[in-house]
Amino acid sequence: MKVPKVFGRRRRHALNAFAVTVCFGAFVVAAPAARAASPILTCDMAGVGSAPLVSDLPTLPTTIPAFDTSVTVTSVGTGTTSNGIPYCLVRLRVQPAININVALPMGDSWNGRLQSQGGGGYAGSVGTPTGPVSEGYIGVQTDTGHVGGSGTFGMLTPVPNGAPDTQLQIDFAYRSEHLMAVLGKQLAHAFYGQLPAYSYWNGCSTGGRQGLRLAQDFPNDYDGMVVNAPAIHWDRFIAAEIWPQVAMRVMTGAPISSAKQTLATDAAVAACDGIDGVVDGLLTNPRQCKYNPVHDRAITHAACASTDGTCLSPAEAQAIQLIWEGPSGSRNKSLWPGLERGTPLSGLAGTNPFSIAVAQARYWVYFDPTWDWRTLDFSNYEAFFHDSIRMVGPMMASDNPDLSAFRDRGGKLITMHGLADTLIFPRGTSKYYEEVTRRLGGGYRQTQQFYRYFEAPGVGHCAGGVGPQPQGLLQALVNWVEKGDAPESILATRTLSDGSVMSRPLCPYPAVAKHRGSGSTNDASNFICTMSGMSK
């Protein structure tokens, strides 16, 4: 098994010499199971609970216990999904604190596949993966090695001798997710007498980051991955999440009311709605929208009071424009993209900062639980941004564009990102896709042979929003991996207030959907995917 890189583009394990190779972790199965397998072990501690399991990534030499590869089965029990599929739930504990739950369909209900589910935020909890089991998959989840989603686990000691908890950071960044595949496959082999024919990753946000990190560093773990709204560039986009608060505080001295934010958002959509040829309240490509509320005299004027939700003061308009532009540094150089126009601003520009943005600075950058975001302004924000890159990037960036190993072993990737994402900036995802394309060569056509990216107008963080919702992403991935049917588009649908259904195609980036010029604009069949009018 190839020992992966883990520290940025120069990532290296501190434990190369001690890594234990487990055949199940790197096993590649070429053909699907002939039929669903029945268990060969009983679902109890004496049966599957006694299966020999081992981690192929030991604990660090500084962790107690050091170099530990042991895996403990903490409990075995049974359950039934809401659609009547019985399963065996095996709870695992990996040193020092990783909990992994593996749910194994019983009887003849296993479809021969495994599906690991990604987490969200800082994770910190593990559930029963009944969703995959209800469709016949082995289901796997993890808490990523700690309890609670506050982010405090990243810090070993606070200032003045602040230090990271490197073991727990590693477990969160990649170790726990890799072991989901390794141990899930070991349990499948023990329980059914055969390995999964195909293994899939399914995650969004943190789960999207986790999937891409595995594709980068552990390319044999999964045959296909759905990696939506991926929280890659964790070091940068998390730092950028606090920028809206800085912009509002510096420009206006306080948060801008939700009514004013909605006023500006609606004005941007109204100004740019027709660019794509269809007036429907959606911005197909918000990058093309250059609306600036500072210059909109219909809503912005000097006499506007902070309590008046029907207008903006010049300072409020400028703050909102800065939120859309994203953080900048010296000489107005862009540090990271902002929220797209048309996106609700409340997620990052609410009354309080987004909690993860504050937690990262406190527990991963400065190791100071008392760090106050109000110390940031336009003069020192750039230094803060680069502090975040320096301290968090080597462990958490997960943005290595070299996916050649995953591509070469036949892996397939699908990414969807909503263009009205309120938390993760979509241009970071398109930036990564373009970097992958440049790194591997051959242009978008070559990248699309194994990796396809779909942008969803009006869709929020992972789902929701005013846009049609993407449908069937996992099944599209399965068809691509197992049948060779690459998705030429993804259907997105939304039920309208009158009960009718709006449908649109989501096109492989960088193409966008364009109306043919005739037929209902609520019918996906009246749109084509085209590069015409695409603007980055």
Protein backbone atom coordinates (compact mmCIF):
# COMPACT_ATOMS: atom_id res chain seq x y z
CA MET A 1 0.00 0.00 0.00
CA LYS A 2 1.36 3.39 -0.91
CA VAL A 3 1.87 5.60 2.13
CA PRO A 4 -0.06 8.81 1.41
CA LYS A 5 1.03 12.39 1.72
CA VAL A 6 -0.72 14.33 4.43
CA PHE A 7 0.87 17.72 5.02
CA GLY A 8 -0.16 20.08 2.19
CA ARG A 9 1.54 19.45 -1.13
CA ARG A 10 4.57 18.28 0.82
CA ARG A 11 2.55 16.16 3.24
CA ARG A 12 4.35 13.26 4.86
CA HIS A 13 3.38 10.83 7.56
CA ALA A 14 5.50 10.98 10.66
CA LEU A 15 4.97 7.23 10.78
CA ASN A 16 6.01 5.98 7.35
CA ALA A 17 8.23 3.29 8.81
CA PHE A 18 5.51 2.13 11.15
CA ALA A 19 2.53 2.02 8.79
CA VAL A 20 0.88 -1.39 8.82
CA THR A 21 -0.39 -2.56 5.45
CA VAL A 22 -3.77 -4.26 5.57
CA CYS A 23 -4.86 -5.94 2.38
CA PHE A 24 -8.49 -4.89 2.81
CA GLY A 25 -7.54 -1.20 2.86
CA ALA A 26 -6.14 -1.26 -0.67
CA PHE A 27 -8.08 -4.16 -2.17
CA VAL A 28 -9.59 -3.33 -5.55
CA VAL A 29 -12.46 -5.53 -6.75
CA ALA A 30 -13.03 -5.60 -10.47
CA ALA A 31 -16.47 -7.20 -10.71
CA PRO A 32 -19.70 -6.91 -8.72
CA ALA A 33 -20.88 -9.67 -6.44
CA ALA A 34 -22.78 -12.36 -8.31
CA ARG A 35 -25.64 -12.03 -5.84
CA ALA A 36 -26.41 -10.56 -2.46
CA ALA A 37 -24.58 -12.47 0.24
CA SER A 38 -26.10 -13.88 3.40
CA PRO A 39 -24.11 -13.58 6.64
CA ILE A 40 -21.72 -16.36 7.55
CA LEU A 41 -21.27 -15.06 11.10
CA THR A 42 -23.89 -14.35 13.72
CA CYS A 43 -24.72 -10.75 14.60
CA ASP A 44 -23.35 -10.75 18.14
CA MET A 45 -20.08 -10.37 20.00
CA ALA A 46 -19.30 -14.08 19.65
CA GLY A 47 -19.82 -13.89 15.89
CA VAL A 48 -18.96 -10.78 13.89
CA GLY A 49 -17.83 -9.11 17.13
CA SER A 50 -14.88 -11.51 17.30
CA ALA A 51 -13.63 -10.72 13.78
CA PRO A 52 -9.93 -9.75 13.75
CA LEU A 53 -9.75 -6.06 12.83
CA VAL A 54 -6.71 -3.82 12.53
CA SER A 55 -5.99 -0.21 11.60
CA ASP A 56 -3.37 0.47 8.93
CA LEU A 57 -2.63 3.96 10.31
CA PRO A 58 -1.12 3.69 13.81
CA THR A 59 -1.35 6.38 16.44
CA LEU A 60 1.52 8.86 16.62
CA PRO A 61 4.64 8.05 18.66
CA THR A 62 3.63 10.86 21.03
CA THR A 63 0.12 9.49 21.54
CA ILE A 64 -0.73 7.14 24.40
CA PRO A 65 -0.74 4.35 23.39
CA ALA A 66 1.94 4.96 20.75
CA PHE A 67 1.98 3.17 17.38
CA ASP A 68 -1.34 1.53 18.20
CA THR A 69 -3.17 -0.29 15.39
CA SER A 70 -5.75 -2.08 17.52
CA VAL A 71 -9.49 -1.90 16.89
CA THR A 72 -12.06 -2.71 19.56
CA VAL A 73 -15.60 -3.86 18.87
CA THR A 74 -17.57 -2.06 21.56
CA SER A 75 -20.99 -3.51 20.78
CA VAL A 76 -22.98 -5.53 18.25
CA GLY A 77 -26.73 -5.26 17.81
CA THR A 78 -29.53 -5.55 15.31
CA GLY A 79 -32.01 -3.13 13.85
CA THR A 80 -34.44 -2.61 11.00
CA THR A 81 -34.71 0.33 8.63
CA SER A 82 -38.00 2.15 8.06
CA ASN A 83 -38.47 0.21 4.83
CA GLY A 84 -37.96 -3.15 6.53
CA ILE A 85 -34.31 -3.98 5.86
CA PRO A 86 -32.73 -5.80 8.82
CA TYR A 87 -29.14 -4.96 9.66
CA CYS A 88 -26.33 -5.80 12.03
CA LEU A 89 -24.80 -2.70 13.67
CA VAL A 90 -21.15 -3.05 14.70
CA ARG A 91 -19.70 -0.23 16.79
CA LEU A 92 -15.92 0.18 16.63
CA ARG A 93 -13.38 2.13 18.65
CA VAL A 94 -9.97 3.02 17.24
CA GLN A 95 -7.33 4.61 19.45
CA PRO A 96 -7.28 7.18 20.76
CA ALA A 97 -10.94 8.19 20.32
CA ILE A 98 -12.31 7.34 16.85
CA ASN A 99 -15.78 5.80 16.85
CA ILE A 100 -17.00 4.13 13.66
CA ASN A 101 -20.42 2.53 13.13
CA VAL A 102 -20.81 -0.10 10.42
CA ALA A 103 -24.31 -1.31 9.53
CA LEU A 104 -24.40 -4.58 7.59
CA PRO A 105 -27.62 -5.55 5.76
CA MET A 106 -28.78 -9.01 6.79
CA GLY A 107 -30.30 -11.91 4.92
CA ASP A 108 -30.10 -11.47 1.17
CA SER A 109 -30.63 -7.71 1.31
CA TRP A 110 -26.98 -6.67 0.75
CA ASN A 111 -26.47 -5.31 -2.77
CA GLY A 112 -22.74 -6.06 -2.75
CA ARG A 113 -21.75 -2.43 -2.21
CA LEU A 114 -20.46 -0.23 0.61
CA GLN A 115 -21.37 3.43 1.17
CA SER A 116 -19.57 5.68 3.64
CA GLN A 117 -21.34 8.86 4.69
CA GLY A 118 -19.42 12.08 5.30
CA GLY A 119 -19.90 14.41 8.23
CA GLY A 120 -20.64 18.10 8.67
CA GLY A 121 -18.86 20.98 10.40
CA TYR A 122 -16.40 19.71 12.98
CA ALA A 123 -18.40 16.43 13.14
CA GLY A 124 -18.08 15.01 16.68
CA SER A 125 -20.95 12.53 16.66
CA VAL A 126 -21.75 9.24 14.96
CA GLY A 127 -25.15 7.87 14.05
CA THR A 128 -26.58 4.70 12.60
CA PRO A 129 -26.20 4.79 8.80
CA THR A 130 -29.67 3.48 8.01
CA GLY A 131 -29.95 5.55 4.81
CA PRO A 132 -27.44 3.44 2.87
CA VAL A 133 -28.78 0.22 4.43
CA SER A 134 -32.31 1.02 3.26
CA GLU A 135 -30.95 0.83 -0.30
CA GLY A 136 -28.96 -2.36 0.30
CA TYR A 137 -25.54 -0.84 0.99
CA ILE A 138 -23.27 -1.48 3.92
CA GLY A 139 -23.44 1.88 5.70
CA VAL A 140 -20.52 3.49 7.54
CA GLN A 141 -20.28 6.64 9.70
CA THR A 142 -17.66 8.11 12.06
CA ASP A 143 -17.43 10.86 14.68
CA THR A 144 -13.92 11.64 13.26
CA GLY A 145 -12.23 11.05 16.62
CA HIS A 146 -13.73 13.49 19.12
CA VAL A 147 -17.00 14.41 20.81
CA GLY A 148 -18.81 17.64 20.03
CA GLY A 149 -18.66 20.08 17.14
CA SER A 150 -17.05 23.10 18.80
CA GLY A 151 -13.55 22.67 17.33
CA THR A 152 -11.83 22.80 20.72
CA PHE A 153 -10.23 19.40 20.06
CA GLY A 154 -7.75 21.08 17.72
CA MET A 155 -5.91 22.66 20.67
CA LEU A 156 -3.70 20.70 23.06
CA THR A 157 -2.65 23.61 25.26
CA PRO A 158 -3.56 27.31 25.18
CA VAL A 159 -1.22 30.31 25.18
CA PRO A 160 1.47 31.16 26.21
CA ASN A 161 2.73 27.70 25.20
CA GLY A 162 -0.04 27.00 22.75
CA ALA A 163 0.15 23.80 20.75
CA PRO A 164 -2.12 21.77 18.48
CA ASP A 165 -3.46 18.35 19.37
CA THR A 166 -1.86 16.80 16.31
CA GLN A 167 -3.32 13.33 16.81
CA LEU A 168 -6.90 14.57 17.00
CA GLN A 169 -6.33 16.93 14.08
CA ILE A 170 -5.03 14.02 11.99
CA ASP A 171 -7.97 11.86 13.02
CA PHE A 172 -10.39 14.60 11.95
CA ALA A 173 -8.54 15.52 8.76
CA TYR A 174 -8.18 12.07 7.18
CA ARG A 175 -7.38 9.11 9.46
CA SER A 176 -10.91 8.35 10.65
CA GLU A 177 -12.37 8.63 7.14
CA HIS A 178 -9.75 6.32 5.65
CA LEU A 179 -10.44 3.77 8.40
CA MET A 180 -14.13 3.84 7.49
CA ALA A 181 -13.14 2.15 4.22
CA VAL A 182 -10.48 -0.13 5.72
CA LEU A 183 -12.61 -1.42 8.58
CA GLY A 184 -15.87 -1.45 6.66
CA LYS A 185 -14.26 -3.76 4.11
CA GLN A 186 -12.74 -5.97 6.79
CA LEU A 187 -16.14 -6.40 8.44
CA ALA A 188 -17.80 -7.12 5.09
CA HIS A 189 -15.27 -9.86 4.41
CA ALA A 190 -15.76 -11.33 7.86
CA PHE A 191 -19.57 -11.12 7.84
CA TYR A 192 -20.35 -12.15 4.25
CA GLY A 193 -17.17 -13.99 3.27
CA GLN A 194 -16.51 -11.52 0.47
CA LEU A 195 -15.46 -7.93 -0.04
CA PRO A 196 -17.77 -5.24 -1.46
CA ALA A 197 -17.78 -5.23 -5.23
CA TYR A 198 -17.88 -1.43 -5.20
CA SER A 199 -17.31 1.13 -2.47
CA TYR A 200 -18.75 4.65 -2.54
CA TRP A 201 -18.30 7.87 -0.61
CA ASN A 202 -21.28 10.20 -0.19
CA GLY A 203 -20.78 13.56 1.54
CA CYS A 204 -21.40 17.28 1.46
CA SER A 205 -19.63 20.24 3.09
CA THR A 206 -17.17 18.64 5.52
CA GLY A 207 -18.19 15.36 3.90
CA GLY A 208 -17.21 16.78 0.52
CA ARG A 209 -13.80 17.80 1.86
CA GLN A 210 -13.33 14.37 3.38
CA GLY A 211 -14.09 12.67 0.08
CA LEU A 212 -11.68 14.79 -1.94
CA ARG A 213 -8.96 14.27 0.68
CA LEU A 214 -9.40 10.52 0.33
CA ALA A 215 -9.24 10.75 -3.47
CA GLN A 216 -6.00 12.72 -3.12
CA ASP A 217 -4.27 10.60 -0.47
CA PHE A 218 -6.01 7.20 -0.41
CA PRO A 219 -7.10 6.65 -4.03
CA ASN A 220 -7.86 2.94 -3.55
CA ASP A 221 -10.41 3.42 -0.77
CA TYR A 222 -13.43 4.15 -2.95
CA ASP A 223 -14.50 3.49 -6.53
CA GLY A 224 -16.75 6.53 -6.73
CA MET A 225 -17.38 9.65 -4.69
CA VAL A 226 -20.16 12.21 -4.40
CA VAL A 227 -18.35 15.23 -2.93
CA ASN A 228 -20.82 18.11 -2.78
CA ALA A 229 -20.09 21.70 -1.67
CA PRO A 230 -16.67 20.48 -0.54
CA ALA A 231 -15.10 22.29 2.40
CA ILE A 232 -11.66 22.19 0.80
CA HIS A 233 -9.39 25.22 1.24
CA TRP A 234 -10.49 24.89 4.89
CA ASP A 235 -7.68 27.23 5.94
CA ARG A 236 -8.84 29.99 3.60
CA PHE A 237 -12.59 29.80 3.25
CA ILE A 238 -13.11 29.46 7.01
CA ALA A 239 -11.00 32.60 7.52
CA ALA A 240 -13.05 34.30 4.78
CA GLU A 241 -16.29 33.39 6.56
CA ILE A 242 -15.55 36.05 9.16
CA TRP A 243 -14.98 38.78 6.55
CA PRO A 244 -18.70 39.78 6.33
CA GLN A 245 -18.65 40.58 10.04
CA VAL A 246 -15.46 42.62 9.66
CA ALA A 247 -16.91 44.52 6.70
CA MET A 248 -20.13 45.38 8.56
CA ARG A 249 -18.39 46.35 11.77
CA VAL A 250 -15.83 48.60 10.08
CA MET A 251 -18.30 50.24 7.68
CA THR A 252 -21.40 50.58 9.89
CA GLY A 253 -20.35 49.69 13.43
CA ALA A 254 -23.01 46.97 13.73
CA PRO A 255 -24.70 44.13 11.84
CA ILE A 256 -26.94 45.13 8.96
CA SER A 257 -30.57 44.15 9.45
CA SER A 258 -31.96 41.12 7.62
CA ALA A 259 -34.50 43.37 5.88
CA LYS A 260 -31.75 45.48 4.36
CA GLN A 261 -29.77 42.41 3.34
CA THR A 262 -32.83 40.97 1.63
CA LEU A 263 -33.44 44.31 -0.10
CA ALA A 264 -29.93 44.28 -1.59
CA THR A 265 -30.13 40.59 -2.55
CA ASP A 266 -33.47 41.04 -4.29
CA ALA A 267 -32.17 44.12 -6.11
CA ALA A 268 -29.17 42.16 -7.41
CA VAL A 269 -31.39 39.34 -8.68
CA ALA A 270 -33.76 41.80 -10.35
CA ALA A 271 -30.86 43.59 -12.05
CA CYS A 272 -29.24 40.40 -13.39
CA ASP A 273 -32.10 37.92 -13.75
CA GLY A 274 -32.44 38.33 -17.49
CA ILE A 275 -28.76 37.82 -18.35
CA ASP A 276 -29.36 34.11 -18.96
CA GLY A 277 -32.36 34.82 -21.21
CA VAL A 278 -34.97 33.66 -18.70
CA VAL A 279 -36.59 35.83 -16.03
CA ASP A 280 -37.30 33.35 -13.24
CA GLY A 281 -35.75 34.73 -10.06
CA LEU A 282 -32.61 32.62 -10.54
CA LEU A 283 -29.10 33.65 -11.51
CA THR A 284 -27.82 30.84 -13.72
CA ASN A 285 -24.32 32.27 -13.58
CA PRO A 286 -24.06 34.86 -10.79
CA ARG A 287 -20.42 35.52 -11.74
CA GLN A 288 -21.80 37.57 -14.60
CA CYS A 289 -23.75 39.82 -12.25
CA LYS A 290 -21.91 43.07 -11.50
CA TYR A 291 -24.70 44.85 -9.64
CA ASN A 292 -23.34 47.27 -7.02
CA PRO A 293 -25.81 48.70 -4.47
CA VAL A 294 -23.54 51.69 -3.87
CA HIS A 295 -24.59 53.03 -7.28
CA ASP A 296 -28.27 52.11 -6.98
CA ARG A 297 -30.01 55.38 -6.12
CA ALA A 298 -33.35 53.61 -5.99
CA ILE A 299 -32.45 52.02 -2.66
CA THR A 300 -29.26 53.75 -1.45
CA HIS A 301 -29.25 57.30 -0.09
CA ALA A 302 -27.54 59.25 2.67
CA ALA A 303 -30.72 59.87 4.66
CA CYS A 304 -31.48 56.16 5.15
CA ALA A 305 -31.72 55.23 8.83
CA SER A 306 -30.30 51.99 10.23
CA THR A 307 -33.81 51.00 11.31
CA ASP A 308 -35.35 51.52 7.85
CA GLY A 309 -35.53 48.21 6.00
CA THR A 310 -36.63 49.84 2.74
CA CYS A 311 -33.30 51.47 1.95
CA LEU A 312 -29.52 51.36 2.46
CA SER A 313 -27.15 54.00 3.69
CA PRO A 314 -23.99 54.43 1.56
CA ALA A 315 -21.98 52.68 4.29
CA GLU A 316 -24.40 49.75 4.41
CA ALA A 317 -24.33 49.45 0.63
CA GLN A 318 -20.53 49.48 0.64
CA ALA A 319 -20.42 46.78 3.33
CA ILE A 320 -22.70 44.52 1.28
CA GLN A 321 -20.60 45.14 -1.81
CA LEU A 322 -17.50 44.12 0.16
CA ILE A 323 -19.25 40.93 1.27
CA TRP A 324 -19.95 40.05 -2.37
CA GLU A 325 -16.41 40.91 -3.44
CA GLY A 326 -14.85 38.86 -0.66
CA PRO A 327 -11.85 39.68 1.54
CA SER A 328 -9.02 41.70 0.11
CA GLY A 329 -5.59 42.72 1.31
CA SER A 330 -2.96 45.25 0.41
CA ARG A 331 -3.56 47.13 -2.84
CA ASN A 332 -7.08 45.61 -2.87
CA LYS A 333 -5.71 42.22 -3.90
CA SER A 334 -8.39 39.56 -3.57
CA LEU A 335 -7.65 36.99 -0.87
CA TRP A 336 -10.72 34.79 -1.41
CA PRO A 337 -14.05 34.97 -3.26
CA GLY A 338 -17.15 36.32 -1.57
CA LEU A 339 -20.74 35.14 -1.48
CA GLU A 340 -22.45 35.14 -4.86
CA ARG A 341 -25.13 37.73 -5.54
CA GLY A 342 -28.55 36.23 -4.98
CA THR A 343 -27.34 34.30 -1.92
CA PRO A 344 -29.01 35.04 1.42
CA LEU A 345 -26.43 36.88 3.54
CA SER A 346 -27.75 35.86 6.95
CA GLY A 347 -25.56 32.76 7.27
CA LEU A 348 -22.33 34.74 7.52
CA ALA A 349 -23.60 38.30 8.04
CA GLY A 350 -26.07 37.65 10.83
CA THR A 351 -26.07 39.10 14.31
CA ASN A 352 -23.06 36.95 15.29
CA PRO A 353 -20.18 35.47 13.31
CA PHE A 354 -20.40 31.89 12.08
CA SER A 355 -19.20 29.75 14.99
CA ILE A 356 -16.66 27.65 13.07
CA ALA A 357 -14.91 30.77 11.79
CA VAL A 358 -14.33 31.94 15.37
CA ALA A 359 -13.42 28.47 16.62
CA GLN A 360 -10.74 27.99 13.98
CA ALA A 361 -8.97 31.18 15.02
CA ARG A 362 -9.20 30.33 18.72
CA TYR A 363 -8.32 26.64 18.72
CA TRP A 364 -6.38 26.04 15.51
CA VAL A 365 -4.56 29.30 14.75
CA TYR A 366 -3.82 31.24 17.95
CA PHE A 367 -4.58 28.58 20.64
CA ASP A 368 -6.28 31.31 22.62
CA PRO A 369 -9.87 30.63 23.80
CA THR A 370 -10.28 34.35 24.54
CA TRP A 371 -9.38 35.53 21.01
CA ASP A 372 -11.90 38.18 19.95
CA TRP A 373 -12.84 38.59 16.30
CA ARG A 374 -13.57 42.26 16.99
CA THR A 375 -9.83 42.89 16.97
CA LEU A 376 -9.93 42.45 13.19
CA ASP A 377 -10.20 45.40 10.80
CA PHE A 378 -9.08 46.22 7.28
CA SER A 379 -5.52 46.91 8.44
CA ASN A 380 -4.83 43.52 10.03
CA TYR A 381 -7.24 41.15 8.30
CA GLU A 382 -4.68 40.09 5.69
CA ALA A 383 -2.20 39.06 8.39
CA PHE A 384 -4.97 37.06 10.09
CA PHE A 385 -5.80 35.39 6.77
CA HIS A 386 -2.20 34.33 6.23
CA ASP A 387 -1.90 33.16 9.84
CA SER A 388 -4.80 30.82 9.10
CA ILE A 389 -3.12 29.46 5.98
CA ARG A 390 0.15 28.89 7.85
CA MET A 391 -1.37 27.15 10.85
CA VAL A 392 -4.32 25.27 9.34
CA GLY A 393 -3.39 24.69 5.70
CA PRO A 394 -0.78 21.92 6.11
CA MET A 395 -3.29 19.69 7.89
CA MET A 396 -6.69 20.74 6.56
CA ALA A 397 -6.46 22.40 3.13
CA SER A 398 -7.26 19.15 1.25
CA ASP A 399 -6.83 20.96 -2.07
CA ASN A 400 -4.07 18.97 -3.78
CA PRO A 401 -5.12 19.04 -7.47
CA ASP A 402 -3.17 15.89 -8.35
CA LEU A 403 -5.93 13.30 -8.67
CA SER A 404 -3.97 11.21 -11.16
CA ALA A 405 -3.74 8.13 -8.92
CA PHE A 406 -7.51 8.12 -8.34
CA ARG A 407 -8.13 8.70 -12.05
CA ASP A 408 -5.68 6.00 -13.14
CA ARG A 409 -7.24 3.32 -10.93
CA GLY A 410 -10.63 4.05 -12.55
CA GLY A 411 -12.21 6.16 -9.83
CA LYS A 412 -15.06 8.57 -10.60
CA LEU A 413 -16.02 11.85 -8.89
CA ILE A 414 -19.19 13.94 -8.98
CA THR A 415 -19.39 17.34 -7.29
CA MET A 416 -22.42 19.61 -6.98
CA HIS A 417 -22.22 23.08 -5.49
CA GLY A 418 -25.21 25.36 -5.01
CA LEU A 419 -24.59 28.86 -6.35
CA ALA A 420 -26.60 30.30 -3.44
CA ASP A 421 -24.49 28.51 -0.83
CA THR A 422 -24.64 30.58 2.34
CA LEU A 423 -21.51 29.11 3.98
CA ILE A 424 -18.98 27.79 1.44
CA PHE A 425 -18.04 30.05 -1.45
CA PRO A 426 -18.77 28.27 -4.78
CA ARG A 427 -15.87 29.93 -6.60
CA GLY A 428 -13.49 28.02 -4.36
CA THR A 429 -14.87 24.79 -5.81
CA SER A 430 -14.66 25.97 -9.43
CA LYS A 431 -11.13 27.21 -8.66
CA TYR A 432 -10.14 23.73 -7.48
CA TYR A 433 -11.74 22.07 -10.51
CA GLU A 434 -9.77 24.35 -12.81
CA GLU A 435 -6.57 23.58 -10.87
CA VAL A 436 -7.20 19.85 -11.31
CA THR A 437 -7.72 20.42 -15.03
CA ARG A 438 -4.49 22.38 -15.36
CA ARG A 439 -2.51 19.88 -13.29
CA LEU A 440 -3.64 16.80 -15.19
CA GLY A 441 -3.66 18.42 -18.64
CA GLY A 442 -5.91 17.87 -21.62
CA GLY A 443 -8.50 20.51 -20.75
CA TYR A 444 -11.99 20.05 -19.37
CA ARG A 445 -12.71 17.21 -21.78
CA GLN A 446 -10.02 15.06 -20.18
CA THR A 447 -10.98 15.97 -16.62
CA GLN A 448 -14.59 15.07 -17.36
CA GLN A 449 -13.52 11.53 -18.18
CA PHE A 450 -13.40 10.88 -14.43
CA TYR A 451 -14.51 14.06 -12.60
CA ARG A 452 -17.62 16.13 -13.33
CA TYR A 453 -18.67 19.28 -11.51
CA PHE A 454 -22.23 20.65 -11.57
CA GLU A 455 -23.25 24.11 -10.35
CA ALA A 456 -26.84 24.48 -9.14
CA PRO A 457 -28.40 27.97 -9.52
CA GLY A 458 -30.36 29.15 -6.50
CA VAL A 459 -29.44 26.12 -4.37
CA GLY A 460 -28.19 26.70 -0.84
CA HIS A 461 -25.65 24.89 1.30
CA CYS A 462 -25.89 21.22 0.24
CA ALA A 463 -29.62 21.69 -0.46
CA GLY A 464 -32.47 24.15 -0.04
CA GLY A 465 -32.74 27.62 -1.48
CA VAL A 466 -35.05 28.89 -4.22
CA GLY A 467 -33.53 26.87 -7.05
CA PRO A 468 -34.46 23.42 -8.39
CA GLN A 469 -32.87 20.71 -6.24
CA PRO A 470 -30.44 18.20 -7.82
CA GLN A 471 -31.77 14.65 -8.03
CA GLY A 472 -30.13 11.24 -8.16
CA LEU A 473 -26.48 12.18 -7.76
CA LEU A 474 -25.47 8.91 -6.11
CA GLN A 475 -27.31 6.81 -8.69
CA ALA A 476 -25.66 8.82 -11.46
CA LEU A 477 -22.31 8.00 -9.89
CA VAL A 478 -23.15 4.30 -9.62
CA ASN A 479 -24.17 4.22 -13.29
CA TRP A 480 -20.90 5.90 -14.23
CA VAL A 481 -18.71 3.58 -12.16
CA GLU A 482 -20.46 0.32 -12.94
CA LYS A 483 -21.86 0.88 -16.43
CA GLY A 484 -19.60 3.56 -17.85
CA ASP A 485 -22.53 5.97 -18.30
CA ALA A 486 -21.05 9.41 -17.61
CA PRO A 487 -23.72 11.94 -16.56
CA GLU A 488 -24.23 14.44 -19.39
CA SER A 489 -26.45 16.47 -17.04
CA ILE A 490 -28.12 16.19 -13.66
CA LEU A 491 -31.86 16.77 -13.37
CA ALA A 492 -32.90 19.39 -10.81
CA THR A 493 -36.53 19.87 -9.77
CA ARG A 494 -38.62 22.16 -7.59
CA THR A 495 -42.32 22.05 -6.76
CA LEU A 496 -43.89 25.47 -7.35
CA SER A 497 -46.63 27.11 -5.29
CA ASP A 498 -49.32 26.01 -7.75
CA GLY A 499 -48.24 22.39 -7.47
CA SER A 500 -46.49 22.23 -10.83
CA VAL A 501 -42.85 21.18 -11.08
CA MET A 502 -39.99 23.26 -12.41
CA SER A 503 -37.18 21.16 -13.85
CA ARG A 504 -33.79 22.23 -15.14
CA PRO A 505 -30.66 20.45 -16.29
CA LEU A 506 -27.44 21.03 -14.37
CA CYS A 507 -24.57 20.98 -16.84
CA PRO A 508 -21.01 19.72 -16.43
CA TYR A 509 -18.83 22.74 -15.61
CA PRO A 510 -17.99 25.01 -17.32
CA ALA A 511 -21.14 24.63 -19.45
CA VAL A 512 -24.40 26.25 -18.35
CA ALA A 513 -28.06 25.59 -19.17
CA LYS A 514 -29.54 27.84 -21.86
CA HIS A 515 -33.17 27.99 -22.93
CA ARG A 516 -33.73 26.88 -26.52
CA GLY A 517 -35.94 29.89 -27.16
CA SER A 518 -39.25 28.04 -27.22
CA GLY A 519 -41.22 25.86 -24.85
CA SER A 520 -41.85 26.17 -21.14
CA THR A 521 -38.97 27.48 -19.07
CA ASN A 522 -40.08 25.08 -16.33
CA ASP A 523 -39.26 22.03 -18.47
CA ALA A 524 -35.67 20.76 -18.51
CA SER A 525 -36.13 19.36 -22.02
CA ASN A 526 -36.32 22.92 -23.36
CA PHE A 527 -32.76 23.71 -22.22
CA ILE A 528 -29.39 22.77 -23.65
CA CYS A 529 -25.95 22.73 -22.06
CA THR A 530 -23.70 25.26 -23.73
CA MET A 531 -20.44 27.11 -23.21
CA SER A 532 -21.97 30.22 -24.74
CA GLY A 533 -21.97 33.21 -22.39
CA MET A 534 -19.88 31.44 -19.76
CA SER A 535 -18.00 33.91 -17.59
CA LYS A 536 -15.71 33.02 -14.70
